[in-house]
Amino acid sequence: MGSIRTWSLAAVAGVLIVVVAHQRSNADAGTVPDDNRAAPALAAAPATMPAPVPVPASSQVHVGGLPDFSDLVEQNGASVVNISVVEKPQRGGEAGETGEGGDPLSQFFHRYQMPNDHAPPARGIGSGFIVSADGYVLTNAHVVADAAEVTVKLTDRREFAAKVIGVDRRSDVALIKIAASGLPAVRFGDPARLRAGQWVVAIGSPFGFENSVTAGVISATARALPDENYVPFIQTDAAVNPGNSGGPLFNLDGQVIGINSQIYSRTGGFMGMSFAIPIDLALNVKEQLQRNGKVSRSRIGVAVQEVNQQLAQTFGLGTPHGALISAVEPKSPGERAGLKPGDVITSVNGKTIQRSLDLPSVIAALPTGSEARLGVWRDRKATEVMVRTVMLEDEPAQAARNESESDGGKLGLAVRALDPEEQQELHTHGRLVVEDVTGPALAAGVQAGDVVLGVNGAGVATVADLKREVARAGHSLALLIQRDGAQIYVPVDIG
């Protein structure tokens, strides 16, 4: 089940990233009207609604300078659909539902289920929009991924049973198809031209209220979210709530520039921050789903983290930019190409990598098996590395999270050697483990139990190695440690 996903953020206590999911009718029956939960009635008559007419931006501005969205909504509202689903039956108490480890909001919704095999199937709602006159509709993957039945309702109240063509969970994009023709399809804009402060309009079915219109501005572009490595989200303050999932985000020219997907919230409801999938990324996914039924992505087998000011200074970068490699998978393309922890990838085929988030999406978009030219900052100078991509499998390597840790003789660390059994238990090739931590290391966040792997790109296997590299480092250093199976660099200021 789990149609609402949540992510806890270590940096902001108690704040959740919540996927704006289709509202479950048995979770809040008083909120969603019964007519939003109708059984799928099949209709086969061709649609006769006219295609949307381009609306000049100038016609949407009052004399006083405030935007008027009425023409935009009139011309594009018929392209937005309501989606209702009946989810596949699941046995009560399965992992990820009410069991330990399930996310809080999923547990909340599952309280309304009977803990036996006779529980009624969950129903939900979402939104979507018509992308071609022959019945293809884009929506969110989390709206239809677990659906046994999908019904699409048009603004003229006709309903169609929909076929799920394909689902891509990584991008949260899904493509469905209804048996209709002559449908009014949306037009597409260019997310690359978006600027913070521009007006945007969201249309969808929040809480089942079909074709509801909300407006706001773009708050930011290319926004990174926890556990989302492949989508540079568009952030807006347009009100988005459960049921809006999969609906379009329009610019003032009446062009779709994103798919509403997530909200940032402490409560599960809208709190002024919503996130949309850029439409160019979604259309790439759509084409692959329509052609192959799945999405192919590339990888090179490295884990990366953000370069902050301290790390930039440590590695001799003029400004913080690029993606810092914290780990390289054995026998991966990255290892074969000679990439190593401490390298900073600054470009791919000439395309600048400003933040660590940029790298996975740029690499993923490359054809599998193609050669990529990486700009790499290594040993305080620029170089180039050629790497051949491979297919990204269903379980990709997770990018290292940017946490604060460190180590060293004058850092305030007490370390000891690991014996072979401990190394095997910790799944590490590291030789030193932190026993106690004080001073600069403590301030940087190093913890007892962290495994020390290197300093400023140089591996350390003994206490003597560690002391030597710390002495060479000067006033700051980047410590490579392993914690809970992940490797990360931690900047440490030793004064």
Protein backbone atom coordinates (compact mmCIF):
# COMPACT_ATOMS: atom_id res chain seq x y z
CA MET A 1 0.00 0.00 0.00
CA GLY A 2 1.91 3.05 1.27
CA SER A 3 0.65 5.61 -1.21
CA ILE A 4 2.08 8.38 0.93
CA ARG A 5 5.84 8.28 1.37
CA THR A 6 7.71 10.25 4.03
CA TRP A 7 11.35 11.06 4.58
CA SER A 8 12.79 12.23 7.91
CA LEU A 9 15.38 14.98 7.63
CA ALA A 10 18.29 14.91 10.06
CA ALA A 11 18.98 18.58 9.50
CA VAL A 12 15.48 19.75 10.44
CA ALA A 13 14.10 17.86 13.40
CA GLY A 14 10.55 16.69 12.97
CA VAL A 15 10.16 17.97 9.40
CA LEU A 16 8.87 15.52 6.81
CA ILE A 17 9.04 15.46 3.04
CA VAL A 18 5.65 14.16 2.03
CA VAL A 19 4.70 12.89 -1.38
CA VAL A 20 1.43 14.54 -2.29
CA ALA A 21 -0.49 11.33 -2.64
CA HIS A 22 -3.89 10.40 -3.88
CA GLN A 23 -6.31 10.73 -0.96
CA ARG A 24 -7.54 7.41 0.41
CA SER A 25 -11.26 7.48 0.82
CA ASN A 26 -11.31 5.08 3.76
CA ALA A 27 -8.75 7.25 5.55
CA ASP A 28 -10.80 10.42 5.58
CA ALA A 29 -14.26 9.61 4.34
CA GLY A 30 -15.59 12.93 5.58
CA THR A 31 -13.24 14.88 3.33
CA VAL A 32 -13.67 13.20 -0.05
CA PRO A 33 -17.20 13.28 -1.50
CA ASP A 34 -18.72 9.97 -2.51
CA ASP A 35 -18.96 11.04 -6.16
CA ASN A 36 -15.16 11.07 -6.30
CA ARG A 37 -15.12 7.36 -5.58
CA ALA A 38 -17.38 6.11 -8.35
CA ALA A 39 -16.74 2.66 -9.78
CA PRO A 40 -15.00 2.73 -13.16
CA ALA A 41 -17.70 3.13 -15.78
CA LEU A 42 -16.31 2.39 -19.21
CA ALA A 43 -16.96 4.91 -21.98
CA ALA A 44 -15.80 4.53 -25.52
CA ALA A 45 -17.33 7.53 -27.32
CA PRO A 46 -14.68 9.76 -28.88
CA ALA A 47 -14.14 13.12 -27.27
CA THR A 48 -15.16 16.26 -29.10
CA MET A 49 -13.59 18.87 -26.85
CA PRO A 50 -11.48 21.41 -28.77
CA ALA A 51 -7.73 21.52 -28.42
CA PRO A 52 -6.44 24.29 -26.13
CA VAL A 53 -5.72 27.63 -27.77
CA PRO A 54 -2.43 29.39 -26.93
CA VAL A 55 -3.05 32.25 -24.52
CA PRO A 56 -0.77 35.27 -24.89
CA ALA A 57 0.85 36.22 -21.62
CA SER A 58 -0.18 39.85 -22.16
CA SER A 59 -3.87 38.93 -22.01
CA GLN A 60 -3.43 37.57 -18.50
CA VAL A 61 -2.39 40.79 -16.82
CA HIS A 62 -4.76 43.40 -15.42
CA VAL A 63 -4.12 47.10 -15.82
CA GLY A 64 -2.95 47.13 -12.22
CA GLY A 65 -0.25 44.58 -13.02
CA LEU A 66 -1.76 41.60 -11.15
CA PRO A 67 -2.15 38.36 -13.12
CA ASP A 68 -5.53 37.10 -14.29
CA PHE A 69 -5.51 33.31 -14.73
CA SER A 70 -9.08 32.89 -16.00
CA ASP A 71 -8.21 32.60 -19.71
CA LEU A 72 -5.41 30.15 -18.96
CA VAL A 73 -7.74 27.96 -16.90
CA GLU A 74 -10.55 28.15 -19.46
CA GLN A 75 -8.29 27.06 -22.29
CA ASN A 76 -6.39 24.33 -20.40
CA GLY A 77 -8.74 23.04 -17.70
CA ALA A 78 -10.22 20.38 -19.99
CA SER A 79 -6.77 18.82 -20.41
CA VAL A 80 -6.54 18.08 -16.68
CA VAL A 81 -8.13 14.82 -15.51
CA ASN A 82 -9.18 13.26 -12.24
CA ILE A 83 -7.73 9.80 -11.53
CA SER A 84 -9.29 7.33 -9.11
CA VAL A 85 -7.69 4.01 -8.25
CA VAL A 86 -8.53 0.76 -6.51
CA GLU A 87 -5.34 -0.61 -5.07
CA LYS A 88 -4.18 -4.20 -5.24
CA PRO A 89 -5.23 -6.17 -2.14
CA GLN A 90 -2.48 -6.76 0.40
CA ARG A 91 -2.38 -8.87 3.50
CA GLY A 92 -2.61 -6.88 6.73
CA GLY A 93 0.60 -6.53 8.72
CA GLU A 94 3.01 -6.90 5.80
CA ALA A 95 6.37 -5.19 6.15
CA GLY A 96 6.16 -1.50 5.42
CA GLU A 97 2.48 -1.25 6.38
CA THR A 98 1.84 -1.36 10.10
CA GLY A 99 5.00 -3.21 11.03
CA GLU A 100 8.09 -1.68 12.56
CA GLY A 101 9.97 0.49 10.09
CA GLY A 102 6.94 1.67 8.10
CA ASP A 103 6.72 5.44 7.63
CA PRO A 104 4.46 7.34 10.07
CA LEU A 105 1.83 8.50 7.59
CA SER A 106 1.53 5.06 6.02
CA GLN A 107 0.97 3.66 9.51
CA PHE A 108 -1.71 6.30 10.11
CA PHE A 109 -3.65 5.32 7.02
CA HIS A 110 -3.31 1.60 7.69
CA ARG A 111 -5.06 2.01 11.05
CA TYR A 112 -8.26 2.19 9.04
CA GLN A 113 -7.73 -1.28 7.56
CA MET A 114 -8.93 -4.56 8.98
CA PRO A 115 -5.92 -6.66 10.01
CA ASN A 116 -7.06 -9.70 8.01
CA ASP A 117 -7.42 -10.99 4.47
CA HIS A 118 -10.98 -9.66 4.20
CA ALA A 119 -10.07 -5.95 4.45
CA PRO A 120 -11.71 -3.92 1.67
CA PRO A 121 -9.35 -2.64 -1.03
CA ALA A 122 -8.04 0.87 -0.52
CA ARG A 123 -9.24 3.53 -2.93
CA GLY A 124 -7.46 6.73 -3.78
CA ILE A 125 -7.52 9.78 -6.00
CA GLY A 126 -4.97 11.78 -7.93
CA SER A 127 -4.61 14.01 -10.94
CA GLY A 128 -3.14 13.82 -14.42
CA PHE A 129 -3.07 15.65 -17.75
CA ILE A 130 -3.56 14.69 -21.37
CA VAL A 131 -0.35 14.76 -23.39
CA SER A 132 -1.68 13.54 -26.73
CA ALA A 133 -5.06 13.57 -28.45
CA ASP A 134 -5.14 9.77 -28.66
CA GLY A 135 -5.50 9.29 -24.92
CA TYR A 136 -2.05 9.26 -23.32
CA VAL A 137 -2.03 10.79 -19.83
CA LEU A 138 0.89 11.66 -17.55
CA THR A 139 0.60 11.37 -13.78
CA ASN A 140 2.75 10.41 -10.77
CA ALA A 141 4.07 6.90 -10.32
CA HIS A 142 2.92 6.84 -6.71
CA VAL A 143 -0.67 7.45 -7.84
CA VAL A 144 -1.01 4.32 -10.01
CA ALA A 145 1.96 2.06 -9.19
CA ASP A 146 0.00 -0.26 -6.88
CA ALA A 147 -3.37 0.07 -8.59
CA ALA A 148 -5.53 -2.88 -9.63
CA GLU A 149 -7.99 -0.53 -11.37
CA VAL A 150 -7.44 2.99 -12.70
CA THR A 151 -10.29 5.23 -13.82
CA VAL A 152 -9.84 8.58 -15.59
CA LYS A 153 -12.61 11.16 -15.36
CA LEU A 154 -12.72 14.05 -17.84
CA THR A 155 -14.21 17.48 -17.18
CA ASP A 156 -17.28 16.55 -19.27
CA ARG A 157 -17.90 13.77 -16.65
CA ARG A 158 -17.13 10.89 -18.98
CA GLU A 159 -15.11 8.11 -17.35
CA PHE A 160 -12.66 5.68 -18.91
CA ALA A 161 -10.87 2.62 -17.60
CA ALA A 162 -7.16 3.34 -18.02
CA LYS A 163 -4.29 1.04 -18.86
CA VAL A 164 -0.98 1.63 -17.08
CA ILE A 165 1.63 1.78 -19.84
CA GLY A 166 4.60 2.13 -17.51
CA VAL A 167 5.75 3.36 -14.13
CA ASP A 168 9.13 4.89 -13.25
CA ARG A 169 9.49 5.12 -9.48
CA ARG A 170 12.85 6.91 -9.57
CA SER A 171 11.38 9.97 -11.26
CA ASP A 172 7.85 9.40 -9.87
CA VAL A 173 6.43 9.59 -13.41
CA ALA A 174 3.81 7.23 -14.87
CA LEU A 175 2.16 6.99 -18.29
CA ILE A 176 -1.41 5.72 -18.64
CA LYS A 177 -3.72 5.37 -21.67
CA ILE A 178 -7.46 5.68 -22.19
CA ALA A 179 -9.49 4.55 -25.22
CA ALA A 180 -10.45 7.96 -26.57
CA SER A 181 -9.49 10.28 -29.42
CA GLY A 182 -9.68 13.96 -30.23
CA LEU A 183 -8.73 14.87 -26.67
CA PRO A 184 -7.41 18.34 -25.75
CA ALA A 185 -3.69 17.92 -25.08
CA VAL A 186 -1.56 20.37 -23.12
CA ARG A 187 1.36 22.32 -24.56
CA PHE A 188 4.84 22.16 -23.05
CA GLY A 189 7.21 24.87 -21.87
CA ASP A 190 10.95 24.90 -21.22
CA PRO A 191 11.90 24.46 -17.55
CA ALA A 192 15.42 25.72 -18.35
CA ARG A 193 13.96 29.21 -18.88
CA LEU A 194 12.27 29.35 -15.47
CA ARG A 195 13.30 32.02 -12.98
CA ALA A 196 12.48 32.41 -9.33
CA GLY A 197 9.59 34.82 -8.89
CA GLN A 198 7.66 33.87 -12.03
CA TRP A 199 3.94 33.14 -11.65
CA VAL A 200 2.73 29.54 -11.97
CA VAL A 201 -0.69 27.85 -11.79
CA ALA A 202 -1.51 24.36 -10.50
CA ILE A 203 -4.69 22.53 -11.53
CA GLY A 204 -5.74 19.25 -9.93
CA SER A 205 -8.09 17.44 -7.56
CA PRO A 206 -7.02 18.22 -3.99
CA PHE A 207 -9.05 16.08 -1.59
CA GLY A 208 -11.25 15.11 -4.55
CA PHE A 209 -12.33 18.65 -5.48
CA GLU A 210 -11.87 18.27 -9.24
CA ASN A 211 -10.19 20.93 -11.38
CA SER A 212 -9.27 23.14 -8.46
CA VAL A 213 -6.98 26.03 -9.40
CA THR A 214 -4.22 27.45 -7.20
CA ALA A 215 -1.50 29.95 -8.05
CA GLY A 216 1.85 31.04 -6.72
CA VAL A 217 5.38 31.81 -7.79
CA ILE A 218 8.47 29.77 -8.49
CA SER A 219 10.48 29.73 -5.28
CA ALA A 220 13.56 27.97 -6.66
CA THR A 221 14.71 25.71 -9.49
CA ALA A 222 16.85 22.54 -9.46
CA ARG A 223 16.03 21.89 -5.82
CA ALA A 224 17.55 18.76 -4.25
CA LEU A 225 15.41 16.66 -1.91
CA PRO A 226 16.45 13.82 0.43
CA ASP A 227 16.62 10.39 -1.25
CA GLU A 228 15.84 11.96 -4.65
CA ASN A 229 18.98 11.67 -6.76
CA TYR A 230 17.55 11.96 -10.26
CA VAL A 231 15.10 14.88 -10.17
CA PRO A 232 16.05 18.58 -9.92
CA PHE A 233 12.69 19.74 -8.56
CA ILE A 234 10.92 23.03 -9.26
CA GLN A 235 9.92 24.56 -5.92
CA THR A 236 6.79 26.72 -5.77
CA ASP A 237 4.41 28.18 -3.19
CA ALA A 238 1.31 27.24 -5.20
CA ALA A 239 -1.00 25.35 -2.84
CA VAL A 240 -0.76 21.60 -3.46
CA ASN A 241 -2.47 18.94 -1.33
CA PRO A 242 -3.32 15.21 -1.40
CA GLY A 243 -5.14 14.61 -4.68
CA ASN A 244 -3.04 17.15 -6.60
CA SER A 245 -0.44 14.46 -7.29
CA GLY A 246 0.24 14.09 -10.99
CA GLY A 247 -1.44 17.35 -11.95
CA PRO A 248 0.21 19.96 -14.19
CA LEU A 249 2.05 23.12 -13.22
CA PHE A 250 1.52 25.86 -15.85
CA ASN A 251 3.44 29.00 -16.70
CA LEU A 252 1.58 32.18 -17.67
CA ASP A 253 1.71 31.19 -21.35
CA GLY A 254 -0.48 28.18 -20.58
CA GLN A 255 2.40 25.72 -21.03
CA VAL A 256 3.06 22.82 -18.67
CA ILE A 257 6.47 23.18 -17.06
CA GLY A 258 6.16 20.54 -14.33
CA ILE A 259 4.21 17.72 -12.66
CA ASN A 260 3.15 18.41 -9.07
CA SER A 261 4.64 15.64 -6.96
CA GLN A 262 5.63 16.48 -3.38
CA ILE A 263 5.16 18.89 -0.51
CA TYR A 264 7.36 19.85 2.40
CA SER A 265 5.38 19.66 5.61
CA ARG A 266 5.34 18.99 9.33
CA THR A 267 1.67 18.06 9.25
CA GLY A 268 1.09 16.22 5.96
CA GLY A 269 -0.81 19.22 4.57
CA PHE A 270 0.33 22.20 2.53
CA MET A 271 2.68 24.59 4.34
CA GLY A 272 3.81 26.87 1.53
CA MET A 273 6.35 24.61 -0.19
CA SER A 274 5.52 22.29 -3.07
CA PHE A 275 7.73 20.55 -5.61
CA ALA A 276 7.19 19.67 -9.25
CA ILE A 277 9.05 17.35 -11.63
CA PRO A 278 10.43 19.37 -14.59
CA ILE A 279 8.42 18.53 -17.70
CA ASP A 280 11.47 17.93 -19.91
CA LEU A 281 12.60 15.15 -17.58
CA ALA A 282 9.04 13.78 -17.45
CA LEU A 283 8.73 13.77 -21.25
CA ASN A 284 11.98 11.84 -21.57
CA VAL A 285 10.55 9.25 -19.18
CA LYS A 286 7.25 9.27 -21.09
CA GLU A 287 8.93 8.54 -24.41
CA GLN A 288 10.86 5.60 -22.94
CA LEU A 289 7.80 4.18 -21.18
CA GLN A 290 5.74 4.49 -24.36
CA ARG A 291 8.45 2.87 -26.48
CA ASN A 292 9.90 0.24 -24.10
CA GLY A 293 7.63 0.08 -21.06
CA LYS A 294 10.58 0.96 -18.82
CA VAL A 295 13.27 3.60 -18.39
CA SER A 296 16.98 2.95 -18.95
CA ARG A 297 19.57 4.98 -17.08
CA SER A 298 23.34 4.94 -16.90
CA ARG A 299 25.74 4.90 -13.98
CA ILE A 300 29.49 4.98 -13.37
CA GLY A 301 29.63 3.50 -9.87
CA VAL A 302 30.66 6.37 -7.60
CA ALA A 303 29.08 7.84 -4.46
CA VAL A 304 29.27 11.61 -4.21
CA GLN A 305 28.63 14.36 -1.70
CA GLU A 306 28.30 18.13 -1.72
CA VAL A 307 31.39 20.36 -1.70
CA ASN A 308 31.03 23.00 1.02
CA GLN A 309 33.37 25.93 1.69
CA GLN A 310 35.65 23.99 4.05
CA LEU A 311 36.03 21.09 1.63
CA ALA A 312 36.67 23.48 -1.25
CA GLN A 313 39.48 25.13 0.70
CA THR A 314 40.90 21.74 1.71
CA PHE A 315 41.06 20.50 -1.88
CA GLY A 316 42.24 23.82 -3.29
CA LEU A 317 39.08 24.74 -5.20
CA GLY A 318 38.53 28.46 -5.66
CA THR A 319 34.78 28.19 -4.94
CA PRO A 320 32.56 25.35 -3.67
CA HIS A 321 31.32 23.45 -6.72
CA GLY A 322 31.32 20.01 -8.25
CA ALA A 323 30.57 16.55 -6.87
CA LEU A 324 33.11 15.14 -4.40
CA ILE A 325 33.67 11.40 -4.78
CA SER A 326 33.50 9.73 -1.38
CA ALA A 327 33.50 6.10 -2.57
CA VAL A 328 34.14 4.14 -5.76
CA GLU A 329 32.51 0.75 -6.24
CA PRO A 330 34.90 -2.15 -6.88
CA LYS A 331 34.98 -3.29 -10.55
CA SER A 332 32.79 -0.34 -11.54
CA PRO A 333 33.36 1.92 -14.57
CA GLY A 334 34.62 4.57 -12.17
CA GLU A 335 37.28 2.27 -10.74
CA ARG A 336 38.33 1.09 -14.21
CA ALA A 337 38.68 4.74 -15.28
CA GLY A 338 40.93 5.50 -12.30
CA LEU A 339 38.50 7.63 -10.30
CA LYS A 340 39.18 7.66 -6.58
CA PRO A 341 37.83 9.18 -3.36
CA GLY A 342 38.86 12.81 -3.12
CA ASP A 343 38.35 13.52 -6.83
CA VAL A 344 35.89 16.32 -7.53
CA ILE A 345 33.89 15.89 -10.75
CA THR A 346 33.37 19.38 -12.18
CA SER A 347 31.92 18.61 -15.63
CA VAL A 348 30.50 15.84 -17.85
CA ASN A 349 31.03 16.19 -21.60
CA GLY A 350 31.54 19.91 -21.09
CA LYS A 351 28.39 20.38 -19.00
CA THR A 352 29.30 22.05 -15.69
CA ILE A 353 28.50 20.17 -12.47
CA GLN A 354 27.72 22.84 -9.91
CA ARG A 355 26.28 20.62 -7.16
CA SER A 356 26.47 16.94 -6.30
CA LEU A 357 22.77 16.59 -7.25
CA ASP A 358 23.64 17.47 -10.86
CA LEU A 359 25.88 14.45 -11.42
CA PRO A 360 23.43 11.49 -11.05
CA SER A 361 20.84 13.05 -13.36
CA VAL A 362 23.43 14.02 -16.00
CA ILE A 363 25.07 10.57 -15.96
CA ALA A 364 21.69 8.81 -15.91
CA ALA A 365 20.65 10.61 -19.11
CA LEU A 366 23.69 9.34 -21.06
CA PRO A 367 23.24 6.34 -23.37
CA THR A 368 24.28 3.11 -21.68
CA GLY A 369 27.70 2.02 -22.90
CA SER A 370 28.69 5.48 -24.09
CA GLU A 371 31.93 7.20 -23.18
CA ALA A 372 31.78 10.31 -21.03
CA ARG A 373 34.51 12.91 -20.62
CA LEU A 374 34.71 13.96 -16.98
CA GLY A 375 36.36 17.15 -15.83
CA VAL A 376 38.08 16.22 -12.56
CA TRP A 377 39.81 18.30 -9.91
CA ARG A 378 42.59 16.16 -8.43
CA ASP A 379 45.67 17.05 -6.40
CA ARG A 380 44.81 20.77 -6.69
CA LYS A 381 44.76 20.80 -10.49
CA ALA A 382 42.30 20.09 -13.28
CA THR A 383 42.45 16.94 -15.38
CA GLU A 384 40.16 14.85 -17.57
CA VAL A 385 39.05 11.24 -17.20
CA MET A 386 37.20 9.12 -19.77
CA VAL A 387 34.65 6.67 -18.36
CA ARG A 388 32.25 4.26 -20.07
CA THR A 389 28.76 4.09 -18.57
CA VAL A 390 26.85 0.93 -17.66
CA MET A 391 23.17 0.23 -17.04
CA LEU A 392 21.72 1.47 -13.75
CA GLU A 393 20.08 -1.58 -12.20
CA ASP A 394 16.93 -1.57 -10.07
CA GLU A 395 18.92 -1.17 -6.84
CA PRO A 396 21.40 1.67 -7.44
CA ALA A 397 24.21 2.58 -5.13
CA GLN A 398 23.07 5.25 -2.70
CA ALA A 399 24.87 8.58 -2.75
CA ALA A 400 26.72 9.35 0.46
CA ARG A 401 24.98 11.80 2.77
CA ASN A 402 26.78 14.96 3.78
CA GLU A 403 27.38 14.62 7.51
CA SER A 404 30.07 16.20 9.72
CA GLU A 405 32.82 13.87 10.96
CA SER A 406 36.66 13.84 11.18
CA ASP A 407 39.88 12.39 12.71
CA GLY A 408 43.58 12.98 13.45
CA GLY A 409 46.33 13.20 16.10
CA LYS A 410 45.77 16.84 17.06
CA LEU A 411 42.12 16.49 16.18
CA GLY A 412 41.17 15.02 19.53
CA LEU A 413 40.79 11.41 18.42
CA ALA A 414 41.73 8.16 20.08
CA VAL A 415 41.88 5.37 17.48
CA ARG A 416 42.82 1.71 17.47
CA ALA A 417 43.50 -0.97 14.90
CA LEU A 418 40.67 -3.22 13.76
CA ASP A 419 41.22 -6.97 13.78
CA PRO A 420 40.22 -9.02 10.70
CA GLU A 421 36.99 -10.27 12.30
CA GLU A 422 35.90 -6.70 13.05
CA GLN A 423 36.71 -5.63 9.51
CA GLN A 424 34.58 -8.45 8.15
CA GLU A 425 31.73 -7.60 10.50
CA LEU A 426 31.82 -3.92 9.49
CA HIS A 427 32.27 -4.71 5.76
CA THR A 428 35.24 -2.35 5.58
CA HIS A 429 38.76 -2.33 4.25
CA GLY A 430 39.65 0.34 6.84
CA ARG A 431 42.15 -0.46 9.57
CA LEU A 432 41.44 2.22 12.19
CA VAL A 433 38.35 2.71 14.34
CA VAL A 434 37.57 5.71 16.56
CA GLU A 435 37.49 4.84 20.26
CA ASP A 436 37.03 8.33 21.73
CA VAL A 437 36.60 11.81 20.32
CA THR A 438 37.10 15.36 21.64
CA GLY A 439 38.19 18.78 20.38
CA PRO A 440 37.95 19.65 16.66
CA ALA A 441 36.89 16.12 15.73
CA LEU A 442 34.02 16.23 18.18
CA ALA A 443 32.98 19.65 16.86
CA ALA A 444 33.02 18.22 13.33
CA GLY A 445 30.73 15.37 14.38
CA VAL A 446 33.05 12.37 14.49
CA GLN A 447 31.67 9.55 16.63
CA ALA A 448 33.08 6.55 18.42
CA GLY A 449 32.79 3.61 16.05
CA ASP A 450 33.59 5.58 12.88
CA VAL A 451 36.20 3.87 10.69
CA VAL A 452 38.98 6.17 9.46
CA LEU A 453 39.95 5.54 5.83
CA GLY A 454 41.97 8.55 4.71
CA VAL A 455 43.00 12.18 5.03
CA ASN A 456 42.91 14.60 2.08
CA GLY A 457 42.74 11.73 -0.40
CA ALA A 458 45.63 9.73 1.12
CA GLY A 459 44.77 6.35 2.63
CA VAL A 460 45.73 5.64 6.24
CA ALA A 461 46.21 2.12 7.64
CA THR A 462 48.05 2.83 10.89
CA VAL A 463 48.12 5.44 13.61
CA ALA A 464 51.47 6.59 12.25
CA ASP A 465 49.92 7.11 8.80
CA LEU A 466 47.15 9.14 10.37
CA LYS A 467 49.49 11.38 12.36
CA ARG A 468 51.70 11.96 9.30
CA GLU A 469 48.82 13.03 7.05
CA VAL A 470 47.29 15.25 9.74
CA ALA A 471 50.66 16.97 10.24
CA ARG A 472 50.84 17.68 6.50
CA ALA A 473 47.32 19.09 6.33
CA GLY A 474 47.84 22.51 7.86
CA HIS A 475 44.85 24.32 9.35
CA SER A 476 42.09 22.21 7.80
CA LEU A 477 41.65 18.77 6.35
CA ALA A 478 39.08 16.45 4.76
CA LEU A 479 38.71 13.20 6.64
CA LEU A 480 37.32 10.14 4.83
CA ILE A 481 35.40 7.91 7.22
CA GLN A 482 33.04 4.98 7.03
CA ARG A 483 29.89 4.95 9.11
CA ASP A 484 26.94 2.57 8.82
CA GLY A 485 28.31 1.21 5.56
CA ALA A 486 28.63 4.61 3.82
CA GLN A 487 31.83 6.55 3.08
CA ILE A 488 31.90 10.34 3.32
CA TYR A 489 34.41 13.14 3.52
CA VAL A 490 34.17 15.37 6.59
CA PRO A 491 35.79 18.80 6.72
CA VAL A 492 37.66 19.48 9.96
CA ASP A 493 39.03 22.84 11.07
CA ILE A 494 42.06 22.21 13.28
CA GLY A 495 42.96 25.89 13.75
